[in-house]
Amino acid sequence: MARNSTADNLINSFLSLADQICQRLESAGIDAPHRHDLVALLANGQVRLDGELQSLEARYAKLKVQSTKILDTSEKLVQSAAGIVFFPGIYVMNRLRGKK
């Protein structure tokens, strides 16, 4: 994946700033994370975010399938109920037509 030069410049600036901060902290006697630690932390966060997004997409797909099944079942129940409600009238009309 190609990145533009602005993104490269921003990343390089961030990493050089991280290096400078690390050097100052180490000169003060404080153990500081290096650029590789920061990059690993960011990569881990990206992988976790990708996993969460995939999980959300899977949940969405599951809910979509469930809602489709519920709608189909509801439609069949309504058609069945309508058939039951109108059956006596239809039966009588068919019987009357048959006698003529």
N, C-alpha and C. Protein backbone atom coordinates (compact mmCIF):
# COMPACT_ATOMS: atom_id res chain seq x y z
N MET A 1 0.85 -1.17 0.00
CA MET A 1 0.00 0.00 0.00
C MET A 1 0.89 1.23 0.00
N ALA A 2 0.68 2.10 -0.93
CA ALA A 2 1.51 3.29 -1.06
C ALA A 2 0.96 4.39 -0.15
N ARG A 3 1.86 5.04 0.54
CA ARG A 3 1.47 6.17 1.37
C ARG A 3 1.97 7.44 0.72
N ASN A 4 1.31 8.53 1.01
CA ASN A 4 1.77 9.79 0.44
C ASN A 4 2.93 10.36 1.27
N SER A 5 3.62 11.33 0.72
CA SER A 5 4.80 11.86 1.39
C SER A 5 4.44 12.61 2.66
N THR A 6 3.25 13.18 2.74
CA THR A 6 2.84 13.88 3.96
C THR A 6 2.74 12.90 5.12
N ALA A 7 2.17 11.74 4.87
CA ALA A 7 2.06 10.73 5.92
C ALA A 7 3.44 10.24 6.32
N ASP A 8 4.33 10.02 5.35
CA ASP A 8 5.69 9.59 5.67
C ASP A 8 6.41 10.64 6.52
N ASN A 9 6.26 11.91 6.15
CA ASN A 9 6.90 12.98 6.92
C ASN A 9 6.35 13.03 8.34
N LEU A 10 5.06 12.86 8.49
CA LEU A 10 4.44 12.88 9.82
C LEU A 10 4.94 11.71 10.66
N ILE A 11 5.03 10.53 10.07
CA ILE A 11 5.52 9.35 10.79
C ILE A 11 6.97 9.53 11.20
N ASN A 12 7.80 10.01 10.27
CA ASN A 12 9.21 10.23 10.59
C ASN A 12 9.39 11.28 11.68
N SER A 13 8.59 12.32 11.65
CA SER A 13 8.65 13.35 12.69
C SER A 13 8.26 12.76 14.04
N PHE A 14 7.23 11.94 14.06
CA PHE A 14 6.80 11.31 15.31
C PHE A 14 7.89 10.40 15.86
N LEU A 15 8.50 9.60 14.99
CA LEU A 15 9.53 8.67 15.45
C LEU A 15 10.78 9.40 15.92
N SER A 16 11.18 10.46 15.24
CA SER A 16 12.36 11.21 15.71
C SER A 16 12.07 11.91 17.02
N LEU A 17 10.84 12.40 17.20
CA LEU A 17 10.46 13.00 18.48
C LEU A 17 10.49 11.95 19.58
N ALA A 18 9.99 10.75 19.28
CA ALA A 18 10.03 9.66 20.26
C ALA A 18 11.47 9.30 20.61
N ASP A 19 12.37 9.29 19.63
CA ASP A 19 13.78 9.03 19.89
C ASP A 19 14.38 10.09 20.80
N GLN A 20 14.08 11.35 20.54
CA GLN A 20 14.60 12.45 21.36
C GLN A 20 14.11 12.36 22.80
N ILE A 21 12.83 12.07 22.96
CA ILE A 21 12.27 11.94 24.31
C ILE A 21 12.92 10.77 25.03
N CYS A 22 13.10 9.66 24.31
CA CYS A 22 13.73 8.47 24.90
C CYS A 22 15.15 8.79 25.35
N GLN A 23 15.91 9.48 24.52
CA GLN A 23 17.29 9.84 24.87
C GLN A 23 17.33 10.74 26.10
N ARG A 24 16.43 11.70 26.19
CA ARG A 24 16.41 12.60 27.35
C ARG A 24 16.02 11.86 28.62
N LEU A 25 15.06 10.97 28.51
CA LEU A 25 14.66 10.20 29.68
C LEU A 25 15.79 9.28 30.13
N GLU A 26 16.47 8.63 29.19
CA GLU A 26 17.57 7.73 29.55
C GLU A 26 18.74 8.51 30.12
N SER A 27 18.98 9.72 29.63
CA SER A 27 20.07 10.53 30.21
C SER A 27 19.72 10.97 31.62
N ALA A 28 18.43 11.02 31.94
CA ALA A 28 17.99 11.36 33.29
C ALA A 28 17.92 10.12 34.18
N GLY A 29 18.24 8.96 33.62
CA GLY A 29 18.24 7.72 34.40
C GLY A 29 16.91 6.99 34.42
N ILE A 30 16.01 7.36 33.53
CA ILE A 30 14.68 6.73 33.47
C ILE A 30 14.66 5.79 32.27
N ASP A 31 14.22 4.56 32.53
CA ASP A 31 14.11 3.59 31.43
C ASP A 31 12.89 3.95 30.59
N ALA A 32 13.10 4.24 29.31
CA ALA A 32 12.02 4.71 28.44
C ALA A 32 11.82 3.73 27.29
N PRO A 33 10.62 3.69 26.75
CA PRO A 33 10.37 2.83 25.59
C PRO A 33 11.04 3.40 24.34
N HIS A 34 11.52 2.52 23.49
CA HIS A 34 12.16 2.94 22.25
C HIS A 34 11.13 2.98 21.13
N ARG A 35 11.54 3.46 19.98
CA ARG A 35 10.63 3.59 18.84
C ARG A 35 10.04 2.25 18.44
N HIS A 36 10.82 1.18 18.59
CA HIS A 36 10.31 -0.14 18.22
C HIS A 36 9.18 -0.58 19.15
N ASP A 37 9.31 -0.21 20.43
CA ASP A 37 8.23 -0.53 21.37
C ASP A 37 6.96 0.22 21.01
N LEU A 38 7.10 1.48 20.63
CA LEU A 38 5.94 2.28 20.25
C LEU A 38 5.29 1.74 18.97
N VAL A 39 6.11 1.38 18.01
CA VAL A 39 5.59 0.83 16.75
C VAL A 39 4.86 -0.49 17.02
N ALA A 40 5.44 -1.32 17.88
CA ALA A 40 4.80 -2.60 18.21
C ALA A 40 3.47 -2.36 18.92
N LEU A 41 3.44 -1.38 19.81
CA LEU A 41 2.20 -1.05 20.51
C LEU A 41 1.13 -0.57 19.53
N LEU A 42 1.50 0.28 18.59
CA LEU A 42 0.56 0.76 17.58
C LEU A 42 0.08 -0.37 16.66
N ALA A 43 1.00 -1.25 16.27
CA ALA A 43 0.62 -2.38 15.41
C ALA A 43 -0.34 -3.31 16.15
N ASN A 44 -0.08 -3.54 17.43
CA ASN A 44 -0.97 -4.38 18.22
C ASN A 44 -2.36 -3.74 18.32
N GLY A 45 -2.40 -2.44 18.52
CA GLY A 45 -3.67 -1.74 18.57
C GLY A 45 -4.43 -1.83 17.25
N GLN A 46 -3.70 -1.74 16.16
CA GLN A 46 -4.34 -1.83 14.84
C GLN A 46 -4.93 -3.23 14.62
N VAL A 47 -4.19 -4.26 14.99
CA VAL A 47 -4.69 -5.62 14.84
C VAL A 47 -5.93 -5.84 15.71
N ARG A 48 -5.89 -5.31 16.93
CA ARG A 48 -7.04 -5.45 17.82
C ARG A 48 -8.25 -4.71 17.26
N LEU A 49 -8.02 -3.52 16.74
CA LEU A 49 -9.11 -2.76 16.14
C LEU A 49 -9.70 -3.50 14.94
N ASP A 50 -8.85 -4.08 14.11
CA ASP A 50 -9.34 -4.86 12.97
C ASP A 50 -10.19 -6.03 13.43
N GLY A 51 -9.75 -6.69 14.49
CA GLY A 51 -10.52 -7.81 15.04
C GLY A 51 -11.87 -7.36 15.57
N GLU A 52 -11.90 -6.23 16.26
CA GLU A 52 -13.16 -5.70 16.77
C GLU A 52 -14.10 -5.34 15.63
N LEU A 53 -13.56 -4.75 14.57
CA LEU A 53 -14.38 -4.39 13.41
C LEU A 53 -14.96 -5.64 12.75
N GLN A 54 -14.15 -6.68 12.62
CA GLN A 54 -14.65 -7.92 12.04
C GLN A 54 -15.73 -8.54 12.92
N SER A 55 -15.55 -8.44 14.22
CA SER A 55 -16.55 -8.96 15.15
C SER A 55 -17.87 -8.20 14.99
N LEU A 56 -17.80 -6.89 14.87
CA LEU A 56 -19.00 -6.09 14.67
C LEU A 56 -19.68 -6.41 13.34
N GLU A 57 -18.87 -6.62 12.31
CA GLU A 57 -19.44 -6.98 11.00
C GLU A 57 -20.15 -8.33 11.08
N ALA A 58 -19.57 -9.27 11.81
CA ALA A 58 -20.19 -10.59 11.96
C ALA A 58 -21.50 -10.48 12.73
N ARG A 59 -21.52 -9.66 13.79
CA ARG A 59 -22.75 -9.47 14.56
C ARG A 59 -23.83 -8.83 13.70
N TYR A 60 -23.43 -7.85 12.90
CA TYR A 60 -24.38 -7.18 12.01
C TYR A 60 -24.98 -8.17 11.01
N ALA A 61 -24.13 -9.01 10.43
CA ALA A 61 -24.62 -10.01 9.47
C ALA A 61 -25.57 -10.99 10.15
N LYS A 62 -25.24 -11.39 11.37
CA LYS A 62 -26.11 -12.31 12.11
C LYS A 62 -27.46 -11.67 12.40
N LEU A 63 -27.45 -10.41 12.85
CA LEU A 63 -28.71 -9.71 13.12
C LEU A 63 -29.54 -9.52 11.86
N LYS A 64 -28.85 -9.28 10.75
CA LYS A 64 -29.55 -9.11 9.48
C LYS A 64 -30.26 -10.40 9.09
N VAL A 65 -29.58 -11.53 9.24
CA VAL A 65 -30.19 -12.82 8.91
C VAL A 65 -31.36 -13.11 9.86
N GLN A 66 -31.16 -12.85 11.15
CA GLN A 66 -32.23 -13.09 12.12
C GLN A 66 -33.45 -12.24 11.83
N SER A 67 -33.23 -10.97 11.50
CA SER A 67 -34.37 -10.09 11.22
C SER A 67 -35.10 -10.52 9.96
N THR A 68 -34.36 -11.00 8.97
CA THR A 68 -34.99 -11.49 7.75
C THR A 68 -35.86 -12.71 8.05
N LYS A 69 -35.35 -13.61 8.89
CA LYS A 69 -36.13 -14.79 9.27
C LYS A 69 -37.39 -14.39 10.03
N ILE A 70 -37.26 -13.41 10.94
CA ILE A 70 -38.42 -12.96 11.71
C ILE A 70 -39.46 -12.33 10.78
N LEU A 71 -39.01 -11.53 9.83
CA LEU A 71 -39.95 -10.91 8.89
C LEU A 71 -40.66 -11.96 8.03
N ASP A 72 -39.91 -12.95 7.56
CA ASP A 72 -40.52 -14.01 6.75
C ASP A 72 -41.56 -14.79 7.57
N THR A 73 -41.21 -15.13 8.80
CA THR A 73 -42.13 -15.86 9.66
C THR A 73 -43.37 -15.02 9.96
N SER A 74 -43.16 -13.73 10.23
CA SER A 74 -44.30 -12.85 10.51
C SER A 74 -45.22 -12.75 9.31
N GLU A 75 -44.65 -12.64 8.12
CA GLU A 75 -45.46 -12.57 6.90
C GLU A 75 -46.29 -13.84 6.73
N LYS A 76 -45.68 -14.99 6.97
CA LYS A 76 -46.41 -16.25 6.85
C LYS A 76 -47.53 -16.35 7.88
N LEU A 77 -47.28 -15.87 9.11
CA LEU A 77 -48.30 -15.90 10.15
C LEU A 77 -49.48 -14.99 9.80
N VAL A 78 -49.17 -13.81 9.25
CA VAL A 78 -50.23 -12.89 8.87
C VAL A 78 -51.07 -13.49 7.74
N GLN A 79 -50.41 -14.09 6.76
CA GLN A 79 -51.16 -14.73 5.66
C GLN A 79 -52.02 -15.86 6.19
N SER A 80 -51.49 -16.64 7.12
CA SER A 80 -52.25 -17.75 7.69
C SER A 80 -53.44 -17.23 8.49
N ALA A 81 -53.22 -16.18 9.28
CA ALA A 81 -54.30 -15.61 10.07
C ALA A 81 -55.38 -15.04 9.17
N ALA A 82 -54.98 -14.37 8.09
CA ALA A 82 -55.96 -13.83 7.15
C ALA A 82 -56.77 -14.96 6.52
N GLY A 83 -56.12 -16.05 6.19
CA GLY A 83 -56.82 -17.20 5.63
C GLY A 83 -57.83 -17.77 6.61
N ILE A 84 -57.46 -17.83 7.88
CA ILE A 84 -58.37 -18.36 8.90
C ILE A 84 -59.56 -17.41 9.09
N VAL A 85 -59.29 -16.11 9.10
CA VAL A 85 -60.36 -15.13 9.33
C VAL A 85 -61.36 -15.13 8.17
N PHE A 86 -60.84 -15.16 6.95
CA PHE A 86 -61.72 -15.06 5.79
C PHE A 86 -62.25 -16.41 5.28
N PHE A 87 -61.79 -17.50 5.86
CA PHE A 87 -62.20 -18.82 5.39
C PHE A 87 -63.71 -19.03 5.44
N PRO A 88 -64.39 -18.71 6.54
CA PRO A 88 -65.84 -18.96 6.56
C PRO A 88 -66.58 -18.22 5.45
N GLY A 89 -66.25 -16.97 5.23
CA GLY A 89 -66.91 -16.20 4.17
C GLY A 89 -66.62 -16.77 2.80
N ILE A 90 -65.39 -17.12 2.54
CA ILE A 90 -65.01 -17.69 1.25
C ILE A 90 -65.69 -19.04 1.06
N TYR A 91 -65.77 -19.83 2.11
CA TYR A 91 -66.42 -21.14 2.03
C TYR A 91 -67.89 -20.98 1.67
N VAL A 92 -68.56 -20.04 2.33
CA VAL A 92 -69.99 -19.83 2.07
C VAL A 92 -70.20 -19.34 0.64
N MET A 93 -69.40 -18.40 0.19
CA MET A 93 -69.52 -17.88 -1.17
C MET A 93 -69.30 -19.00 -2.19
N ASN A 94 -68.30 -19.83 -1.97
CA ASN A 94 -68.04 -20.93 -2.90
C ASN A 94 -69.22 -21.91 -2.91
N ARG A 95 -69.80 -22.17 -1.78
CA ARG A 95 -70.97 -23.09 -1.70
C ARG A 95 -72.17 -22.50 -2.43
N LEU A 96 -72.36 -21.17 -2.25
CA LEU A 96 -73.50 -20.53 -2.92
C LEU A 96 -73.30 -20.51 -4.43
N ARG A 97 -72.08 -20.30 -4.88
CA ARG A 97 -71.78 -20.31 -6.33
C ARG A 97 -72.00 -21.70 -6.91
N GLY A 98 -71.66 -22.69 -6.14
CA GLY A 98 -71.80 -24.06 -6.60
C GLY A 98 -73.25 -24.48 -6.74
N LYS A 99 -74.18 -23.92 -6.00
CA LYS A 99 -75.59 -24.30 -6.05
C LYS A 99 -76.31 -23.67 -7.23
N LYS A 100 -75.80 -22.59 -7.78
CA LYS A 100 -76.49 -21.92 -8.90
C LYS A 100 -76.30 -22.60 -10.18
